């Protein structure tokens, strides 16, 4: 089910797959899909102003970010850029007053049985759960959007079990 974005009273969750090629997704507390997109960029960095606009538009009450770190063979420059994008995302969400929960990729991928799977597997799983999201997952690079959708769904599933408060 797709939920309209113009309901200001809805409890929404903003899930972010961080990084320069990262993405965001908005779900309701019940796990219904609202919308997804790529993280906005400007001049080779995450555009914090546009991310703030996305937050204002959807008025989420909870943030969830994938807890990530630089990779062992990642170059110094790309590690710095990735860290800057990660930190800026946290800063913008914190500045908007959102409580943030962090989830490792191992946890949510294991939950959806995607550990070790190809990147496209997350798109397939997201479309299985949310057929309405398929319009947002049309390109190969949209696996980041699918990751954000599944990250948000993992949060919803675990919150209903009391893992997150």
N, C-alpha and C. Protein backbone atom coordinates (compact mmCIF):
# COMPACT_ATOMS: atom_id res chain seq x y z
N UNK A 1 0.84 -1.18 0.00
CA UNK A 1 0.00 0.00 0.00
C UNK A 1 0.88 1.24 0.00
N UNK A 2 0.54 2.21 -0.81
CA UNK A 2 1.28 3.46 -0.85
C UNK A 2 0.49 4.50 -0.08
N UNK A 3 1.16 5.23 0.77
CA UNK A 3 0.53 6.23 1.61
C UNK A 3 0.84 7.61 1.05
N UNK A 4 -0.12 8.48 1.11
CA UNK A 4 0.10 9.83 0.59
C UNK A 4 1.01 10.62 1.52
N UNK A 5 1.82 11.47 0.94
CA UNK A 5 2.77 12.23 1.72
C UNK A 5 2.16 13.44 2.43
N UNK A 6 0.94 13.82 2.09
CA UNK A 6 0.38 15.07 2.62
C UNK A 6 -0.43 14.90 3.91
N UNK A 7 -0.29 13.78 4.60
CA UNK A 7 -0.97 13.60 5.88
C UNK A 7 -0.01 14.01 6.99
N UNK A 8 -0.17 15.23 7.53
CA UNK A 8 0.79 15.73 8.53
C UNK A 8 0.72 15.01 9.87
N UNK A 9 -0.32 14.24 10.11
CA UNK A 9 -0.45 13.57 11.40
C UNK A 9 0.16 12.17 11.41
N UNK A 10 0.53 11.65 10.25
CA UNK A 10 1.05 10.28 10.15
C UNK A 10 2.42 10.18 10.82
N UNK A 11 2.64 9.10 11.53
CA UNK A 11 3.94 8.82 12.13
C UNK A 11 4.79 8.17 11.05
N UNK A 12 5.82 8.87 10.62
CA UNK A 12 6.66 8.37 9.54
C UNK A 12 8.08 8.12 10.02
N UNK A 13 8.72 7.21 9.31
CA UNK A 13 10.11 6.84 9.58
C UNK A 13 10.92 7.18 8.34
N UNK A 14 12.02 7.88 8.53
CA UNK A 14 12.95 8.19 7.44
C UNK A 14 14.15 7.27 7.59
N UNK A 15 14.33 6.38 6.63
CA UNK A 15 15.46 5.45 6.64
C UNK A 15 16.47 5.90 5.60
N UNK A 16 17.75 5.89 5.99
CA UNK A 16 18.79 6.35 5.08
C UNK A 16 19.89 5.32 4.94
N UNK A 17 20.16 4.98 3.68
CA UNK A 17 21.34 4.22 3.30
C UNK A 17 22.37 5.30 2.97
N UNK A 18 23.35 5.54 3.87
CA UNK A 18 24.20 6.72 3.73
C UNK A 18 25.28 6.55 2.65
N UNK A 19 25.95 7.65 2.41
CA UNK A 19 27.02 7.67 1.44
C UNK A 19 26.66 8.59 0.29
N UNK A 20 27.66 8.92 -0.52
CA UNK A 20 27.45 9.86 -1.61
C UNK A 20 26.48 9.31 -2.65
N UNK A 21 26.43 8.00 -2.82
CA UNK A 21 25.46 7.42 -3.75
C UNK A 21 24.32 6.76 -2.97
N UNK A 22 24.08 7.24 -1.77
CA UNK A 22 23.06 6.68 -0.90
C UNK A 22 21.65 7.08 -1.27
N UNK A 23 20.72 6.65 -0.45
CA UNK A 23 19.31 6.89 -0.75
C UNK A 23 18.51 7.00 0.55
N UNK A 24 17.28 7.42 0.42
CA UNK A 24 16.36 7.55 1.55
C UNK A 24 15.04 6.89 1.19
N UNK A 25 14.32 6.51 2.23
CA UNK A 25 12.97 5.97 2.06
C UNK A 25 12.14 6.40 3.25
N UNK A 26 10.87 6.61 3.01
CA UNK A 26 9.93 6.97 4.07
C UNK A 26 8.88 5.88 4.15
N UNK A 27 8.67 5.38 5.36
CA UNK A 27 7.64 4.39 5.65
C UNK A 27 6.79 4.90 6.80
N UNK A 28 5.60 4.35 6.95
CA UNK A 28 4.79 4.67 8.11
C UNK A 28 5.18 3.75 9.27
N UNK A 29 4.69 4.05 10.44
CA UNK A 29 4.94 3.21 11.61
C UNK A 29 4.44 1.78 11.38
N UNK A 30 3.42 1.64 10.56
CA UNK A 30 2.87 0.32 10.25
C UNK A 30 3.65 -0.39 9.15
N UNK A 31 4.66 0.28 8.60
CA UNK A 31 5.48 -0.32 7.57
C UNK A 31 5.00 -0.09 6.15
N UNK A 32 4.03 0.79 5.97
CA UNK A 32 3.56 1.08 4.62
C UNK A 32 4.55 1.99 3.91
N UNK A 33 4.76 1.75 2.63
CA UNK A 33 5.67 2.54 1.81
C UNK A 33 5.06 3.91 1.50
N UNK A 34 5.88 4.96 1.62
CA UNK A 34 5.43 6.30 1.27
C UNK A 34 6.18 6.78 0.02
N UNK A 35 7.51 6.83 0.10
CA UNK A 35 8.30 7.30 -1.04
C UNK A 35 9.77 6.98 -0.80
N UNK A 36 10.55 7.01 -1.88
CA UNK A 36 11.99 6.78 -1.80
C UNK A 36 12.69 7.60 -2.87
N UNK A 37 13.96 7.90 -2.63
CA UNK A 37 14.74 8.65 -3.61
C UNK A 37 16.21 8.60 -3.28
N UNK A 38 17.01 9.17 -4.15
CA UNK A 38 18.45 9.25 -3.93
C UNK A 38 18.75 10.41 -2.99
N UNK A 39 19.82 10.27 -2.20
CA UNK A 39 20.24 11.40 -1.37
C UNK A 39 20.64 12.54 -2.31
N UNK A 40 20.19 13.75 -2.00
CA UNK A 40 20.51 14.89 -2.88
C UNK A 40 22.00 15.24 -2.80
N UNK A 41 22.57 15.60 -3.93
CA UNK A 41 23.98 15.97 -3.97
C UNK A 41 24.15 17.33 -4.63
N UNK A 42 25.21 17.99 -4.23
CA UNK A 42 25.59 19.27 -4.83
C UNK A 42 27.10 19.39 -4.71
N UNK A 43 27.75 19.67 -5.80
CA UNK A 43 29.20 19.88 -5.84
C UNK A 43 29.96 18.70 -5.24
N UNK A 44 29.50 17.49 -5.54
CA UNK A 44 30.21 16.30 -5.09
C UNK A 44 30.02 15.94 -3.62
N UNK A 45 29.07 16.58 -2.96
CA UNK A 45 28.78 16.29 -1.55
C UNK A 45 27.28 16.11 -1.36
N UNK A 46 26.89 15.58 -0.21
CA UNK A 46 25.47 15.52 0.12
C UNK A 46 24.97 16.94 0.33
N UNK A 47 23.84 17.26 -0.25
CA UNK A 47 23.24 18.59 -0.11
C UNK A 47 22.37 18.61 1.13
N UNK A 48 22.91 19.13 2.22
CA UNK A 48 22.21 19.17 3.49
C UNK A 48 20.94 19.99 3.44
N UNK A 49 20.94 21.05 2.65
CA UNK A 49 19.75 21.88 2.54
C UNK A 49 18.60 21.10 1.89
N UNK A 50 18.90 20.37 0.84
CA UNK A 50 17.86 19.57 0.19
C UNK A 50 17.41 18.40 1.06
N UNK A 51 18.34 17.81 1.82
CA UNK A 51 17.95 16.75 2.75
C UNK A 51 17.01 17.31 3.82
N UNK A 52 17.29 18.52 4.28
CA UNK A 52 16.38 19.19 5.23
C UNK A 52 15.00 19.40 4.62
N UNK A 53 14.97 19.74 3.34
CA UNK A 53 13.70 19.94 2.64
C UNK A 53 12.91 18.63 2.59
N UNK A 54 13.60 17.52 2.32
CA UNK A 54 12.93 16.21 2.30
C UNK A 54 12.34 15.91 3.68
N UNK A 55 13.10 16.20 4.72
CA UNK A 55 12.62 15.98 6.08
C UNK A 55 11.38 16.84 6.35
N UNK A 56 11.43 18.09 5.95
CA UNK A 56 10.28 18.98 6.15
C UNK A 56 9.06 18.51 5.37
N UNK A 57 9.28 18.01 4.16
CA UNK A 57 8.19 17.57 3.31
C UNK A 57 7.44 16.37 3.89
N UNK A 58 8.19 15.40 4.43
CA UNK A 58 7.56 14.18 4.92
C UNK A 58 7.32 14.17 6.42
N UNK A 59 7.92 15.10 7.14
CA UNK A 59 7.71 15.25 8.57
C UNK A 59 7.84 13.93 9.34
N UNK A 60 8.97 13.24 9.18
CA UNK A 60 9.13 11.97 9.92
C UNK A 60 9.30 12.25 11.42
N UNK A 61 9.00 11.24 12.21
CA UNK A 61 9.17 11.36 13.66
C UNK A 61 10.28 10.46 14.17
N UNK A 62 10.86 9.65 13.26
CA UNK A 62 11.94 8.73 13.63
C UNK A 62 12.89 8.61 12.44
N UNK A 63 14.17 8.61 12.75
CA UNK A 63 15.17 8.36 11.72
C UNK A 63 15.86 7.04 11.99
N UNK A 64 16.27 6.38 10.93
CA UNK A 64 17.06 5.16 11.05
C UNK A 64 18.14 5.23 9.97
N UNK A 65 19.37 5.02 10.37
CA UNK A 65 20.50 5.11 9.46
C UNK A 65 21.29 3.81 9.54
N UNK A 66 21.71 3.36 8.38
CA UNK A 66 22.56 2.18 8.36
C UNK A 66 23.91 2.54 8.98
N UNK A 67 24.32 1.77 9.99
CA UNK A 67 25.61 2.02 10.66
C UNK A 67 26.70 1.40 9.81
N UNK A 68 27.48 2.26 9.21
CA UNK A 68 28.50 1.81 8.27
C UNK A 68 29.86 2.38 8.65
N UNK A 69 30.87 1.91 7.98
CA UNK A 69 32.24 2.39 8.18
C UNK A 69 32.98 2.25 6.87
N UNK A 70 34.16 2.84 6.78
CA UNK A 70 34.93 2.73 5.55
C UNK A 70 35.40 1.29 5.35
N UNK A 71 35.63 0.96 4.12
CA UNK A 71 36.06 -0.39 3.76
C UNK A 71 37.58 -0.48 3.78
N UNK A 72 38.16 -1.64 4.08
CA UNK A 72 39.61 -1.78 4.20
C UNK A 72 40.40 -1.32 2.97
N UNK A 73 39.92 -1.57 1.77
CA UNK A 73 40.67 -1.21 0.57
C UNK A 73 40.21 0.12 -0.02
N UNK A 74 39.40 0.85 0.71
CA UNK A 74 38.91 2.13 0.24
C UNK A 74 40.02 3.16 0.37
N UNK A 75 40.19 3.99 -0.65
CA UNK A 75 41.22 5.02 -0.62
C UNK A 75 40.91 6.09 0.41
N UNK A 76 41.94 6.84 0.76
CA UNK A 76 41.80 7.89 1.78
C UNK A 76 40.77 8.93 1.36
N UNK A 77 40.83 9.36 0.11
CA UNK A 77 39.90 10.39 -0.37
C UNK A 77 38.46 9.89 -0.35
N UNK A 78 38.23 8.68 -0.84
CA UNK A 78 36.85 8.18 -0.86
C UNK A 78 36.36 7.88 0.56
N UNK A 79 37.26 7.44 1.44
CA UNK A 79 36.86 7.22 2.83
C UNK A 79 36.47 8.54 3.48
N UNK A 80 37.20 9.61 3.18
CA UNK A 80 36.88 10.93 3.73
C UNK A 80 35.53 11.41 3.20
N UNK A 81 35.31 11.26 1.89
CA UNK A 81 34.06 11.69 1.28
C UNK A 81 32.88 10.91 1.86
N UNK A 82 33.07 9.60 2.02
CA UNK A 82 32.02 8.77 2.59
C UNK A 82 31.72 9.20 4.02
N UNK A 83 32.76 9.41 4.81
CA UNK A 83 32.58 9.83 6.20
C UNK A 83 31.89 11.18 6.31
N UNK A 84 32.25 12.09 5.39
CA UNK A 84 31.61 13.41 5.39
C UNK A 84 30.12 13.28 5.09
N UNK A 85 29.77 12.43 4.12
CA UNK A 85 28.35 12.22 3.77
C UNK A 85 27.60 11.59 4.94
N UNK A 86 28.22 10.62 5.59
CA UNK A 86 27.61 9.94 6.73
C UNK A 86 27.38 10.93 7.87
N UNK A 87 28.39 11.70 8.19
CA UNK A 87 28.29 12.68 9.27
C UNK A 87 27.28 13.77 8.98
N UNK A 88 27.26 14.25 7.74
CA UNK A 88 26.31 15.30 7.38
C UNK A 88 24.87 14.78 7.50
N UNK A 89 24.66 13.54 7.09
CA UNK A 89 23.32 12.94 7.20
C UNK A 89 22.88 12.88 8.66
N UNK A 90 23.77 12.43 9.52
CA UNK A 90 23.45 12.38 10.95
C UNK A 90 23.18 13.78 11.49
N UNK A 91 24.02 14.74 11.09
CA UNK A 91 23.87 16.11 11.56
C UNK A 91 22.55 16.75 11.15
N UNK A 92 22.15 16.55 9.90
CA UNK A 92 20.90 17.14 9.41
C UNK A 92 19.70 16.51 10.13
N UNK A 93 19.74 15.19 10.30
CA UNK A 93 18.64 14.52 11.00
C UNK A 93 18.57 14.96 12.47
N UNK A 94 19.72 15.07 13.09
CA UNK A 94 19.77 15.52 14.48
C UNK A 94 19.28 16.96 14.59
N UNK A 95 19.72 17.80 13.65
CA UNK A 95 19.29 19.20 13.63
C UNK A 95 17.79 19.34 13.44
N UNK A 96 17.19 18.39 12.76
CA UNK A 96 15.73 18.41 12.56
C UNK A 96 14.99 17.86 13.78
N UNK A 97 15.75 17.44 14.79
CA UNK A 97 15.12 16.94 16.02
C UNK A 97 14.67 15.50 15.95
N UNK A 98 15.16 14.74 14.97
CA UNK A 98 14.75 13.35 14.84
C UNK A 98 15.56 12.45 15.76
N UNK A 99 14.90 11.60 16.52
CA UNK A 99 15.66 10.54 17.20
C UNK A 99 16.17 9.59 16.12
N UNK A 100 17.39 9.11 16.27
CA UNK A 100 17.99 8.24 15.25
C UNK A 100 18.35 6.90 15.86
N UNK A 101 18.00 5.84 15.16
CA UNK A 101 18.45 4.49 15.50
C UNK A 101 19.41 4.06 14.41
N UNK A 102 20.44 3.33 14.81
CA UNK A 102 21.44 2.84 13.87
C UNK A 102 21.33 1.33 13.75
N UNK A 103 21.40 0.83 12.53
CA UNK A 103 21.29 -0.60 12.27
C UNK A 103 22.43 -1.01 11.35
N UNK A 104 23.13 -2.06 11.71
CA UNK A 104 24.21 -2.54 10.85
C UNK A 104 23.64 -3.23 9.62
N UNK A 105 24.37 -3.21 8.50
CA UNK A 105 23.90 -3.91 7.32
C UNK A 105 23.76 -5.41 7.58
N UNK A 106 24.60 -5.96 8.41
CA UNK A 106 24.52 -7.39 8.71
C UNK A 106 23.18 -7.75 9.34
N UNK A 107 22.66 -6.88 10.22
CA UNK A 107 21.39 -7.18 10.88
C UNK A 107 20.22 -7.16 9.92
N UNK A 108 20.07 -6.07 9.18
CA UNK A 108 18.89 -6.01 8.32
C UNK A 108 19.00 -6.96 7.13
N UNK A 109 20.20 -7.15 6.59
CA UNK A 109 20.35 -8.07 5.46
C UNK A 109 20.09 -9.51 5.90
N UNK A 110 20.54 -9.86 7.08
CA UNK A 110 20.29 -11.20 7.60
C UNK A 110 18.78 -11.41 7.80
N UNK A 111 18.11 -10.40 8.32
CA UNK A 111 16.67 -10.45 8.55
C UNK A 111 15.90 -10.79 7.27
N UNK A 112 16.35 -10.20 6.15
CA UNK A 112 15.69 -10.42 4.86
C UNK A 112 16.36 -11.50 4.02
N UNK A 113 17.27 -12.23 4.65
CA UNK A 113 18.02 -13.32 3.99
C UNK A 113 18.75 -12.82 2.75
N UNK A 114 19.42 -11.68 2.89
CA UNK A 114 20.17 -11.09 1.78
C UNK A 114 21.67 -11.08 2.03
N UNK A 115 22.13 -11.68 3.12
CA UNK A 115 23.55 -11.71 3.41
C UNK A 115 24.29 -12.40 2.28
N UNK A 116 25.28 -11.72 1.72
CA UNK A 116 26.07 -12.28 0.63
C UNK A 116 25.40 -12.24 -0.72
N UNK A 117 24.19 -11.70 -0.80
CA UNK A 117 23.45 -11.64 -2.07
C UNK A 117 23.95 -10.49 -2.94
N UNK A 118 23.71 -10.58 -4.21
CA UNK A 118 24.04 -9.51 -5.14
C UNK A 118 23.19 -8.28 -4.81
N UNK A 119 23.68 -7.09 -5.23
CA UNK A 119 22.99 -5.85 -4.91
C UNK A 119 21.55 -5.82 -5.43
N UNK A 120 21.31 -6.42 -6.58
CA UNK A 120 19.96 -6.43 -7.15
C UNK A 120 18.96 -7.22 -6.34
N UNK A 121 19.43 -8.09 -5.44
CA UNK A 121 18.52 -8.90 -4.63
C UNK A 121 17.68 -8.02 -3.71
N UNK A 122 18.24 -6.91 -3.26
CA UNK A 122 17.47 -6.03 -2.38
C UNK A 122 16.33 -5.36 -3.14
N UNK A 123 16.55 -5.07 -4.42
CA UNK A 123 15.48 -4.49 -5.24
C UNK A 123 14.34 -5.50 -5.37
N UNK A 124 14.68 -6.73 -5.66
CA UNK A 124 13.66 -7.77 -5.81
C UNK A 124 12.87 -7.94 -4.52
N UNK A 125 13.55 -7.97 -3.39
CA UNK A 125 12.87 -8.15 -2.10
C UNK A 125 11.99 -6.95 -1.77
N UNK A 126 12.48 -5.73 -2.05
CA UNK A 126 11.69 -4.52 -1.78
C UNK A 126 10.42 -4.51 -2.62
N UNK A 127 10.52 -4.92 -3.88
CA UNK A 127 9.34 -4.94 -4.76
C UNK A 127 8.36 -6.03 -4.32
N UNK A 128 8.88 -7.16 -3.82
CA UNK A 128 7.99 -8.20 -3.29
C UNK A 128 7.17 -7.66 -2.13
N UNK A 129 7.81 -6.90 -1.25
CA UNK A 129 7.12 -6.35 -0.08
C UNK A 129 6.25 -5.15 -0.44
N UNK A 130 6.71 -4.36 -1.39
CA UNK A 130 6.05 -3.11 -1.76
C UNK A 130 5.94 -2.99 -3.27
N UNK A 131 4.96 -3.61 -3.89
CA UNK A 131 4.82 -3.47 -5.35
C UNK A 131 4.75 -2.01 -5.80
N UNK A 132 4.17 -1.13 -4.99
CA UNK A 132 4.07 0.29 -5.34
C UNK A 132 5.44 0.96 -5.41
N UNK A 133 6.44 0.37 -4.77
CA UNK A 133 7.79 0.95 -4.79
C UNK A 133 8.50 0.68 -6.09
N UNK A 134 7.98 -0.23 -6.91
CA UNK A 134 8.68 -0.59 -8.15
C UNK A 134 8.93 0.61 -9.06
N UNK A 135 8.05 1.60 -9.02
CA UNK A 135 8.25 2.81 -9.83
C UNK A 135 9.48 3.60 -9.38
N UNK A 136 9.93 3.38 -8.15
CA UNK A 136 11.10 4.07 -7.60
C UNK A 136 12.37 3.24 -7.75
N UNK A 137 12.23 2.04 -8.29
CA UNK A 137 13.36 1.10 -8.35
C UNK A 137 13.58 0.60 -9.77
N UNK A 138 13.60 1.51 -10.73
CA UNK A 138 13.65 1.11 -12.14
C UNK A 138 15.06 0.98 -12.70
N UNK A 139 16.06 1.56 -12.08
CA UNK A 139 17.43 1.52 -12.59
C UNK A 139 18.31 0.64 -11.72
N UNK A 140 19.40 0.16 -12.29
CA UNK A 140 20.32 -0.69 -11.56
C UNK A 140 20.85 0.01 -10.30
N UNK A 141 21.13 1.32 -10.41
CA UNK A 141 21.66 2.07 -9.28
C UNK A 141 20.64 2.25 -8.15
N UNK A 142 19.41 1.91 -8.38
CA UNK A 142 18.38 2.08 -7.36
C UNK A 142 18.42 1.02 -6.27
N UNK A 143 19.43 0.16 -6.29
CA UNK A 143 19.57 -0.80 -5.19
C UNK A 143 19.76 -0.08 -3.87
N UNK A 144 20.31 1.15 -3.89
CA UNK A 144 20.45 1.92 -2.66
C UNK A 144 19.09 2.33 -2.11
N UNK A 145 18.17 2.66 -3.00
CA UNK A 145 16.80 2.98 -2.56
C UNK A 145 16.16 1.74 -1.94
N UNK A 146 16.35 0.60 -2.59
CA UNK A 146 15.80 -0.65 -2.05
C UNK A 146 16.40 -0.94 -0.68
N UNK A 147 17.69 -0.69 -0.53
CA UNK A 147 18.33 -0.89 0.78
C UNK A 147 17.70 0.01 1.83
N UNK A 148 17.43 1.27 1.48
CA UNK A 148 16.81 2.19 2.43
C UNK A 148 15.40 1.72 2.79
N UNK A 149 14.65 1.23 1.81
CA UNK A 149 13.29 0.72 2.07
C UNK A 149 13.36 -0.46 3.03
N UNK A 150 14.26 -1.39 2.77
CA UNK A 150 14.37 -2.58 3.62
C UNK A 150 14.91 -2.23 5.00
N UNK A 151 15.80 -1.26 5.08
CA UNK A 151 16.30 -0.79 6.37
C UNK A 151 15.14 -0.24 7.21
N UNK A 152 14.28 0.56 6.57
CA UNK A 152 13.11 1.09 7.26
C UNK A 152 12.15 -0.01 7.69
N UNK A 153 11.94 -0.99 6.82
CA UNK A 153 11.06 -2.11 7.14
C UNK A 153 11.63 -2.94 8.30
N UNK A 154 12.95 -3.12 8.31
CA UNK A 154 13.58 -3.84 9.41
C UNK A 154 13.31 -3.10 10.72
N UNK A 155 13.47 -1.79 10.71
CA UNK A 155 13.21 -0.99 11.91
C UNK A 155 11.77 -1.20 12.37
N UNK A 156 10.82 -1.13 11.46
CA UNK A 156 9.40 -1.32 11.81
C UNK A 156 9.19 -2.71 12.41
N UNK A 157 9.74 -3.72 11.76
CA UNK A 157 9.57 -5.10 12.26
C UNK A 157 10.14 -5.26 13.65
N UNK A 158 11.31 -4.71 13.89
CA UNK A 158 11.95 -4.86 15.21
C UNK A 158 11.28 -3.96 16.25
N UNK A 159 10.79 -2.80 15.84
CA UNK A 159 10.12 -1.90 16.79
C UNK A 159 8.84 -2.56 17.33
N UNK A 160 8.13 -3.29 16.46
CA UNK A 160 6.92 -3.94 16.92
C UNK A 160 7.24 -5.08 17.91
N UNK A 161 8.45 -5.57 17.87
CA UNK A 161 8.88 -6.60 18.82
C UNK A 161 9.52 -6.00 20.06
N UNK A 162 9.60 -4.66 20.11
CA UNK A 162 10.15 -3.98 21.26
C UNK A 162 11.66 -3.81 21.25
N UNK A 163 12.31 -4.12 20.11
CA UNK A 163 13.77 -3.98 20.06
C UNK A 163 14.19 -2.51 20.07
N UNK A 164 13.41 -1.64 19.43
CA UNK A 164 13.68 -0.22 19.43
C UNK A 164 12.59 0.46 20.25
N UNK A 165 12.97 1.47 20.98
CA UNK A 165 11.97 2.23 21.75
C UNK A 165 11.92 3.65 21.29
